Amino acid sequence: MTTPPVSVIVVSRGRGESLGLTLTGLSRLFHDHYEIVVVADAEGQDAVRRAGLQDEVKVVPFADPNISAARNRGIMQAAGEIIAFIDDDAVPEPSWLSYLTAPFTDPEVAAVGGFVIGRNGISFQWKASSVDHTGSATPLAVDETRATALTPPAGRAIKTEGTNMAFRRSVLAGLGGFDPAYRFFLDETDLNMRLAKAGYVTAIAPMARVHHAFAASPRRAASRAPTDLFEIGASLSVYLRRHCPVADRAHVVAAFTKARDRSLIDHMVVGRLEPRDVRRLRRRLAEGIAAGQQRPLTPLPDLGHSAAAFRPFETRIRQPSVTIAGRIWQGRRLRAQAAAKAAQGACVSLFLLSHTTRRHRVRMRPDGVWEQTGGLWGRSDRRTKIMRLTTFRKRISKEIQRISLLRGL
């Protein structure tokens, strides 16, 4: 079966450095029929030029602080039959797009969501969940080795995370894309609910994985402490007006406000926020909730077909995947060796272990090398025992087995 053309959309604002790493990941995918669409401010456009990709990707200038409107701009330029989304503070595994788009061979599937890995490069931030009329997510148990098409009960939808999701272009454009009334927060959740109400099927593809760094933004510090809650409050009000019965809205707002207040207190206790920050953020949340109740809700027009031609991207992966492993004190030499292999077009997984029990971390370096560091007896999967006696060779073999389906090993 011929692989349908896929458009990968990245929205970026004020994150040129992290966008550069995202582009490195997107340029090294195990996929042969995709284009990259970058919707970005001036900083993001500069990042594309620094990466030397200005002639290979579609760049859509857009600086407004509205992720829904930005995504719609990207959709209008995307010419693929499938449209995938990833954030500018995320990096995909090389197999990501192949696993994410595979469920679309089922004509009933209109949307697909994947799993999201957190900052340590191993543990999960998000897996599978469903959402309801309040915007609250409930975890779902799915087979984590294969994709599963899901039909939620009435009043619920299958959740897709904004940094790892894909849709049939015809369905997404026909629904009007993303609602610009959500400038940030609950934007993809609203789309999930609209898909469910229209009777479309969503699949979860657990092997489609991206690493999400939670980079700082105008609304969030690097510590993940919030710096502003206005748009979160506004989006909550918009979502409730779209999906929640009037009689339930006050209760939902009260519960949401209480939960956010607990979170602010937790941040203050550990020193990420000052008492004056908590007072300001509480006020901004209330102001946002009030503003969202007055925000215009307009019909979403069909976004139509793209006027731009499909621009196929040639992946930099041209050789078989390889692994390089050694002790941490060999790091300088092995990193240079790994970088040379990556430059030649290989997907490189580098393991550097110390004789300690340090927990493992995984990251993709700017040169495209996947580097895993930690102790010979340290945990990679955080669910295992703290210390396991093993040899260097056995430990490396185990770690390769853990990532083999993701890296083509």
Protein backbone atom coordinates (compact mmCIF):
# COMPACT_ATOMS: atom_id res chain seq x y z
CA MET A 1 0.00 0.00 0.00
CA THR A 2 1.34 3.44 -0.95
CA THR A 3 2.19 5.66 2.00
CA PRO A 4 -0.06 8.75 1.91
CA PRO A 5 1.72 12.12 1.92
CA VAL A 6 2.02 13.58 5.43
CA SER A 7 2.39 17.21 6.49
CA VAL A 8 4.09 17.80 9.85
CA ILE A 9 3.16 21.18 11.38
CA VAL A 10 5.25 22.91 14.05
CA VAL A 11 4.08 26.17 15.62
CA SER A 12 6.85 28.21 17.23
CA ARG A 13 6.91 31.50 19.10
CA GLY A 14 9.85 32.74 21.17
CA ARG A 15 11.63 29.38 21.17
CA GLY A 16 14.19 29.52 18.40
CA GLU A 17 16.75 27.35 20.19
CA SER A 18 14.39 24.52 21.05
CA LEU A 19 12.79 24.72 17.59
CA GLY A 20 16.23 24.02 16.15
CA LEU A 21 16.37 20.73 18.05
CA THR A 22 12.84 19.85 16.95
CA LEU A 23 13.86 20.43 13.32
CA THR A 24 16.90 18.20 13.78
CA GLY A 25 14.59 15.43 14.95
CA LEU A 26 12.12 16.00 12.12
CA SER A 27 14.91 15.89 9.56
CA ARG A 28 15.92 12.41 10.75
CA LEU A 29 12.70 10.39 10.51
CA PHE A 30 12.23 6.87 9.17
CA HIS A 31 9.70 8.11 6.63
CA ASP A 32 9.85 8.78 2.91
CA HIS A 33 6.79 10.87 2.12
CA TYR A 34 6.45 13.90 4.38
CA GLU A 35 6.74 17.67 4.32
CA ILE A 36 7.50 20.05 7.18
CA VAL A 37 5.45 23.21 7.77
CA VAL A 38 6.83 25.70 10.30
CA VAL A 39 4.47 28.44 11.49
CA ALA A 40 6.70 30.85 13.35
CA ASP A 41 7.61 34.33 14.48
CA ALA A 42 10.85 36.02 13.39
CA GLU A 43 12.89 34.06 15.94
CA GLY A 44 11.52 30.77 14.63
CA GLN A 45 12.15 31.79 11.03
CA ASP A 46 15.76 32.56 11.95
CA ALA A 47 16.03 29.08 13.50
CA VAL A 48 14.94 27.52 10.20
CA ARG A 49 17.63 29.51 8.37
CA ARG A 50 20.31 28.55 10.91
CA ALA A 51 19.38 24.91 10.37
CA GLY A 52 19.86 25.43 6.62
CA LEU A 53 16.33 24.24 5.89
CA GLN A 54 14.77 27.40 4.45
CA ASP A 55 14.62 25.85 0.95
CA GLU A 56 13.28 22.49 2.14
CA VAL A 57 10.41 23.36 4.48
CA LYS A 58 7.34 25.56 4.20
CA VAL A 59 7.72 28.59 6.47
CA VAL A 60 4.55 30.49 7.40
CA PRO A 61 5.20 33.82 9.18
CA PHE A 62 2.90 34.23 12.17
CA ALA A 63 3.61 36.06 15.43
CA ASP A 64 0.22 36.38 17.15
CA PRO A 65 -0.03 34.61 20.56
CA ASN A 66 -2.81 32.28 19.39
CA ILE A 67 -1.83 28.65 18.85
CA SER A 68 -5.19 27.72 17.30
CA ALA A 69 -4.98 30.45 14.67
CA ALA A 70 -1.34 29.52 14.01
CA ARG A 71 -2.22 25.86 13.50
CA ASN A 72 -4.98 26.84 11.09
CA ARG A 73 -2.45 28.84 9.07
CA GLY A 74 -0.35 25.72 8.91
CA ILE A 75 -3.29 23.57 7.84
CA MET A 76 -4.02 25.93 4.96
CA GLN A 77 -0.45 25.43 3.70
CA ALA A 78 -0.31 21.69 4.38
CA ALA A 79 -0.83 19.58 1.26
CA GLY A 80 -0.57 16.12 2.79
CA GLU A 81 -3.51 13.74 3.16
CA ILE A 82 -2.52 13.33 6.81
CA ILE A 83 -1.56 16.26 9.05
CA ALA A 84 0.61 15.63 12.11
CA PHE A 85 1.46 18.09 14.88
CA ILE A 86 4.45 18.40 17.20
CA ASP A 87 5.43 21.25 19.55
CA ASP A 88 8.58 23.34 19.26
CA ASP A 89 9.89 22.01 22.58
CA ALA A 90 9.57 18.36 21.55
CA VAL A 91 11.75 15.90 19.62
CA PRO A 92 10.34 12.85 17.82
CA GLU A 93 11.80 9.38 17.89
CA PRO A 94 12.90 8.51 14.32
CA SER A 95 10.04 5.99 14.01
CA TRP A 96 7.45 8.48 15.30
CA LEU A 97 5.76 9.44 12.06
CA SER A 98 5.59 5.88 10.75
CA TYR A 99 3.84 4.63 13.90
CA LEU A 100 1.61 7.71 14.13
CA THR A 101 0.29 7.42 10.58
CA ALA A 102 -0.01 3.62 10.36
CA PRO A 103 -3.55 3.50 11.88
CA PHE A 104 -4.88 5.58 8.98
CA THR A 105 -4.83 2.44 6.84
CA ASP A 106 -8.17 1.84 8.57
CA PRO A 107 -10.58 4.14 6.69
CA GLU A 108 -12.66 4.58 9.84
CA VAL A 109 -9.82 6.27 11.73
CA ALA A 110 -9.86 10.08 11.52
CA ALA A 111 -7.38 10.95 14.27
CA VAL A 112 -4.41 9.35 16.02
CA GLY A 113 -2.58 10.22 19.23
CA GLY A 114 0.76 8.92 20.47
CA PHE A 115 2.59 8.64 23.79
CA VAL A 116 4.67 11.53 25.19
CA ILE A 117 7.96 11.05 27.05
CA GLY A 118 9.07 13.51 29.73
CA ARG A 119 12.26 15.39 30.49
CA ASN A 120 14.37 12.40 31.51
CA GLY A 121 13.81 10.86 28.08
CA ILE A 122 12.40 7.61 29.48
CA SER A 123 9.35 8.12 31.72
CA PHE A 124 5.99 9.05 30.23
CA GLN A 125 4.23 12.39 30.64
CA TRP A 126 1.06 11.23 28.88
CA LYS A 127 -0.27 7.97 27.59
CA ALA A 128 -3.91 7.34 26.69
CA SER A 129 -6.92 9.13 28.14
CA SER A 130 -10.44 10.29 27.44
CA VAL A 131 -12.01 13.67 28.18
CA ASP A 132 -15.49 14.87 29.04
CA HIS A 133 -17.63 18.03 28.94
CA THR A 134 -15.60 19.56 31.78
CA GLY A 135 -12.26 19.15 29.99
CA SER A 136 -11.07 16.67 32.61
CA ALA A 137 -9.00 13.71 31.40
CA THR A 138 -9.34 10.14 32.63
CA PRO A 139 -6.57 7.57 31.95
CA LEU A 140 -7.36 4.71 29.58
CA ALA A 141 -5.77 1.26 29.63
CA VAL A 142 -4.61 0.27 26.13
CA ASP A 143 -2.31 -2.32 24.64
CA GLU A 144 1.04 -0.50 24.68
CA THR A 145 2.52 -2.63 21.89
CA ARG A 146 0.07 -1.84 19.10
CA ALA A 147 -2.34 0.83 17.89
CA THR A 148 -5.97 0.59 19.00
CA ALA A 149 -8.98 2.34 17.47
CA LEU A 150 -11.32 3.57 20.20
CA THR A 151 -14.91 4.73 20.31
CA PRO A 152 -15.69 6.58 23.56
CA PRO A 153 -19.05 6.47 25.33
CA ALA A 154 -21.53 9.29 24.71
CA GLY A 155 -20.38 12.59 26.15
CA ARG A 156 -16.67 11.69 26.09
CA ALA A 157 -13.86 11.89 23.54
CA ILE A 158 -10.49 10.21 23.05
CA LYS A 159 -7.75 12.67 24.02
CA THR A 160 -4.87 13.54 21.73
CA GLU A 161 -1.97 15.59 23.07
CA GLY A 162 -1.11 18.66 21.02
CA THR A 163 2.55 17.72 20.76
CA ASN A 164 1.86 14.27 19.28
CA MET A 165 -1.25 13.91 17.16
CA ALA A 166 -2.36 13.46 13.55
CA PHE A 167 -5.61 13.86 11.57
CA ARG A 168 -6.98 13.20 8.13
CA ARG A 169 -6.71 16.54 6.42
CA SER A 170 -10.18 16.27 4.89
CA VAL A 171 -11.77 15.73 8.31
CA LEU A 172 -9.71 18.37 10.10
CA ALA A 173 -10.30 21.04 7.45
CA GLY A 174 -13.99 20.13 7.21
CA LEU A 175 -14.43 20.72 10.95
CA GLY A 176 -12.82 24.15 10.63
CA GLY A 177 -9.52 23.13 12.19
CA PHE A 178 -8.85 24.62 15.61
CA ASP A 179 -11.10 27.18 17.26
CA PRO A 180 -9.24 30.54 17.54
CA ALA A 181 -11.27 31.33 20.65
CA TYR A 182 -8.76 29.04 22.41
CA ARG A 183 -5.57 31.06 22.22
CA PHE A 184 -3.89 28.53 24.47
CA PHE A 185 -5.10 25.52 26.51
CA LEU A 186 -7.91 23.05 25.72
CA ASP A 187 -7.58 23.78 22.00
CA GLU A 188 -6.96 20.16 20.98
CA THR A 189 -9.41 18.92 23.64
CA ASP A 190 -12.14 20.99 21.99
CA LEU A 191 -11.24 19.40 18.64
CA ASN A 192 -11.38 15.94 20.24
CA MET A 193 -14.91 16.65 21.47
CA ARG A 194 -16.01 17.90 18.06
CA LEU A 195 -14.60 14.78 16.41
CA ALA A 196 -16.44 12.55 18.89
CA LYS A 197 -19.73 14.41 18.47
CA ALA A 198 -19.42 14.00 14.70
CA GLY A 199 -18.96 10.25 15.12
CA TYR A 200 -15.30 9.98 14.07
CA VAL A 201 -12.95 7.28 15.38
CA THR A 202 -9.66 8.09 17.12
CA ALA A 203 -6.80 5.63 17.51
CA ILE A 204 -4.02 5.57 20.10
CA ALA A 205 -0.59 4.55 18.77
CA PRO A 206 1.60 3.88 21.84
CA MET A 207 4.78 3.37 19.81
CA ALA A 208 4.49 6.82 18.21
CA ARG A 209 6.61 8.69 20.74
CA VAL A 210 8.00 12.18 21.17
CA HIS A 211 10.20 13.61 23.91
CA HIS A 212 8.64 16.74 25.42
CA ALA A 213 10.82 19.20 27.34
CA PHE A 214 8.18 21.64 28.68
CA ALA A 215 10.31 24.63 27.64
CA ALA A 216 9.76 28.03 29.20
CA SER A 217 7.18 30.33 27.63
CA PRO A 218 5.38 33.61 28.45
CA ARG A 219 3.00 31.49 30.57
CA ARG A 220 5.43 29.07 32.20
CA ALA A 221 8.91 29.27 33.73
CA ALA A 222 11.62 26.68 33.09
CA SER A 223 10.72 25.20 36.51
CA ARG A 224 7.16 24.66 35.13
CA ALA A 225 5.79 27.19 37.60
CA PRO A 226 3.10 29.31 35.91
CA THR A 227 3.83 32.95 35.14
CA ASP A 228 0.33 33.82 33.90
CA LEU A 229 -3.04 32.04 34.07
CA PHE A 230 -5.22 34.46 32.12
CA GLU A 231 -5.52 32.44 28.91
CA ILE A 232 -6.01 29.20 30.83
CA GLY A 233 -9.00 30.77 32.58
CA ALA A 234 -10.34 32.23 29.34
CA SER A 235 -10.03 28.91 27.50
CA LEU A 236 -11.81 27.09 30.32
CA SER A 237 -14.78 29.45 29.98
CA VAL A 238 -14.85 29.03 26.20
CA TYR A 239 -14.71 25.24 26.53
CA LEU A 240 -17.56 25.15 29.03
CA ARG A 241 -19.68 27.38 26.80
CA ARG A 242 -19.02 25.02 23.89
CA HIS A 243 -19.49 21.69 25.65
CA CYS A 244 -20.82 21.93 29.21
CA PRO A 245 -24.48 22.28 30.28
CA VAL A 246 -25.16 25.67 31.82
CA ALA A 247 -26.26 24.14 35.12
CA ASP A 248 -22.87 22.46 35.61
CA ARG A 249 -20.53 25.32 34.71
CA ALA A 250 -20.28 27.09 38.08
CA HIS A 251 -19.38 23.82 39.82
CA VAL A 252 -16.71 23.03 37.19
CA VAL A 253 -15.17 26.51 37.51
CA ALA A 254 -15.09 26.22 41.31
CA ALA A 255 -13.41 22.81 41.19
CA PHE A 256 -10.91 23.97 38.57
CA THR A 257 -10.04 27.10 40.57
CA LYS A 258 -9.55 25.04 43.72
CA ALA A 259 -7.24 22.60 41.93
CA ARG A 260 -5.16 25.44 40.45
CA ASP A 261 -4.93 27.06 43.86
CA ARG A 262 -3.52 23.85 45.34
CA SER A 263 -0.97 23.73 42.55
CA LEU A 264 0.09 27.34 43.19
CA ILE A 265 0.55 26.62 46.88
CA ASP A 266 2.68 23.58 46.04
CA HIS A 267 4.91 25.73 43.82
CA MET A 268 5.21 28.30 46.61
CA VAL A 269 6.12 25.69 49.23
CA VAL A 270 9.11 24.48 47.19
CA GLY A 271 10.22 28.03 46.41
CA ARG A 272 9.18 28.40 42.78
CA LEU A 273 6.67 31.15 43.57
CA GLU A 274 6.48 33.99 46.10
CA PRO A 275 3.24 34.76 48.00
CA ARG A 276 2.78 37.87 45.86
CA ASP A 277 3.05 35.66 42.73
CA VAL A 278 0.29 33.42 44.06
CA ARG A 279 -1.99 36.41 44.65
CA ARG A 280 -1.31 37.78 41.17
CA LEU A 281 -1.89 34.43 39.47
CA ARG A 282 -5.15 33.89 41.34
CA ARG A 283 -6.32 37.29 40.13
CA ARG A 284 -5.24 36.61 36.55
CA LEU A 285 -7.08 33.30 36.51
CA ALA A 286 -10.29 34.97 37.69
CA GLU A 287 -9.87 37.74 35.10
CA GLY A 288 -9.36 35.15 32.37
CA ILE A 289 -12.44 33.18 33.37
CA ALA A 290 -14.51 36.36 33.21
CA ALA A 291 -13.03 37.37 29.84
CA GLY A 292 -13.69 33.94 28.36
CA GLN A 293 -17.35 34.24 29.24
CA GLN A 294 -17.54 37.27 26.93
CA ARG A 295 -15.24 36.04 24.15
CA PRO A 296 -17.10 35.77 20.80
CA LEU A 297 -17.88 32.24 19.68
CA THR A 298 -18.16 32.08 15.91
CA PRO A 299 -18.86 29.24 13.46
CA LEU A 300 -15.73 27.52 12.14
CA PRO A 301 -15.63 27.58 8.32
CA ASP A 302 -14.23 24.72 6.23
CA LEU A 303 -10.53 25.45 5.69
CA GLY A 304 -10.64 23.96 2.20
CA HIS A 305 -7.77 22.50 0.20
CA SER A 306 -4.22 23.79 0.30
CA ALA A 307 -3.26 26.13 -2.52
CA ALA A 308 0.39 25.16 -1.99
CA ALA A 309 1.93 22.11 -3.63
CA PHE A 310 3.27 19.26 -1.49
CA ARG A 311 6.98 19.83 -0.74
CA PRO A 312 8.57 16.45 0.01
CA PHE A 313 11.36 16.51 2.58
CA GLU A 314 14.35 14.21 2.12
CA THR A 315 15.17 12.60 5.44
CA ARG A 316 18.80 12.72 6.53
CA ILE A 317 18.67 9.06 7.55
CA ARG A 318 20.32 7.18 4.69
CA GLN A 319 22.14 4.34 6.50
CA PRO A 320 21.19 1.55 8.92
CA SER A 321 20.83 2.36 12.61
CA VAL A 322 23.89 1.81 14.78
CA THR A 323 24.75 1.72 18.49
CA ILE A 324 27.93 2.89 20.17
CA ALA A 325 28.59 2.09 23.83
CA GLY A 326 31.31 2.74 26.36
CA ARG A 327 32.22 4.12 29.75
CA ILE A 328 31.58 7.74 30.61
CA TRP A 329 35.33 8.48 30.70
CA GLN A 330 35.43 7.55 27.01
CA GLY A 331 32.78 10.16 26.27
CA ARG A 332 34.85 12.60 24.23
CA ARG A 333 36.07 10.00 21.77
CA LEU A 334 32.77 8.14 21.50
CA ARG A 335 30.75 11.34 21.05
CA ALA A 336 33.00 12.32 18.15
CA GLN A 337 32.59 8.85 16.64
CA ALA A 338 28.81 9.04 17.05
CA ALA A 339 28.65 12.50 15.49
CA ALA A 340 30.61 11.28 12.46
CA LYS A 341 28.22 8.35 11.98
CA ALA A 342 25.19 10.66 12.29
CA ALA A 343 26.69 13.04 9.71
CA GLN A 344 26.97 10.09 7.32
CA GLY A 345 23.23 9.45 7.65
CA ALA A 346 22.95 6.82 10.37
CA CYS A 347 20.50 6.87 13.26
CA VAL A 348 22.94 6.67 16.17
CA SER A 349 22.18 5.59 19.73
CA LEU A 350 25.10 6.33 22.09
CA PHE A 351 25.32 4.75 25.55
CA LEU A 352 27.74 6.18 28.12
CA LEU A 353 27.63 4.41 31.49
CA SER A 354 29.41 5.05 34.79
CA HIS A 355 30.04 2.56 37.58
CA THR A 356 27.29 4.08 39.71
CA THR A 357 23.59 3.72 40.46
CA ARG A 358 22.70 7.01 38.75
CA ARG A 359 19.37 7.08 36.98
CA HIS A 360 19.51 7.08 33.22
CA ARG A 361 18.63 10.02 30.99
CA VAL A 362 18.10 10.16 27.24
CA ARG A 363 18.35 13.17 24.96
CA MET A 364 18.93 13.94 21.33
CA ARG A 365 21.94 16.16 20.82
CA PRO A 366 22.03 18.97 18.23
CA ASP A 367 24.13 16.74 15.95
CA GLY A 368 21.27 14.22 15.80
CA VAL A 369 22.81 11.60 18.11
CA TRP A 370 20.58 9.94 20.69
CA GLU A 371 22.64 9.86 23.90
CA GLN A 372 21.79 7.81 27.00
CA THR A 373 23.78 8.33 30.19
CA GLY A 374 23.54 6.87 33.68
CA GLY A 375 24.96 4.23 35.99
CA LEU A 376 25.64 0.61 35.12
CA TRP A 377 23.35 -0.26 38.01
CA GLY A 378 21.03 2.74 37.70
CA ARG A 379 17.42 2.66 36.62
CA SER A 380 16.28 3.52 33.12
CA ASP A 381 12.67 2.40 33.50
CA ARG A 382 11.79 4.06 36.83
CA ARG A 383 9.51 1.16 37.74
CA THR A 384 12.40 -1.30 38.14
CA LYS A 385 14.53 -1.89 41.24
CA ILE A 386 17.04 0.78 42.22
CA MET A 387 20.04 -1.54 41.87
CA ARG A 388 20.43 -4.63 39.69
CA LEU A 389 23.72 -6.52 39.52
CA THR A 390 24.76 -6.96 35.90
CA THR A 391 27.67 -6.78 33.49
CA PHE A 392 28.32 -3.93 31.09
CA ARG A 393 27.51 -6.09 28.07
CA LYS A 394 24.24 -7.38 29.52
CA ARG A 395 23.14 -3.90 30.56
CA ILE A 396 23.80 -2.43 27.11
CA SER A 397 21.96 -5.36 25.50
CA LYS A 398 18.96 -4.72 27.75
CA GLU A 399 18.88 -1.00 26.91
CA ILE A 400 19.15 -1.69 23.19
CA GLN A 401 16.24 -4.10 23.47
CA ARG A 402 14.20 -1.40 25.23
CA ILE A 403 14.57 1.04 22.34
CA SER A 404 14.98 -1.34 19.40
CA LEU A 405 11.51 -0.81 17.91
CA LEU A 406 11.83 2.96 18.22
CA ARG A 407 15.28 3.26 16.61
CA GLY A 408 15.20 0.48 14.02
CA LEU A 409 17.82 -1.63 15.81
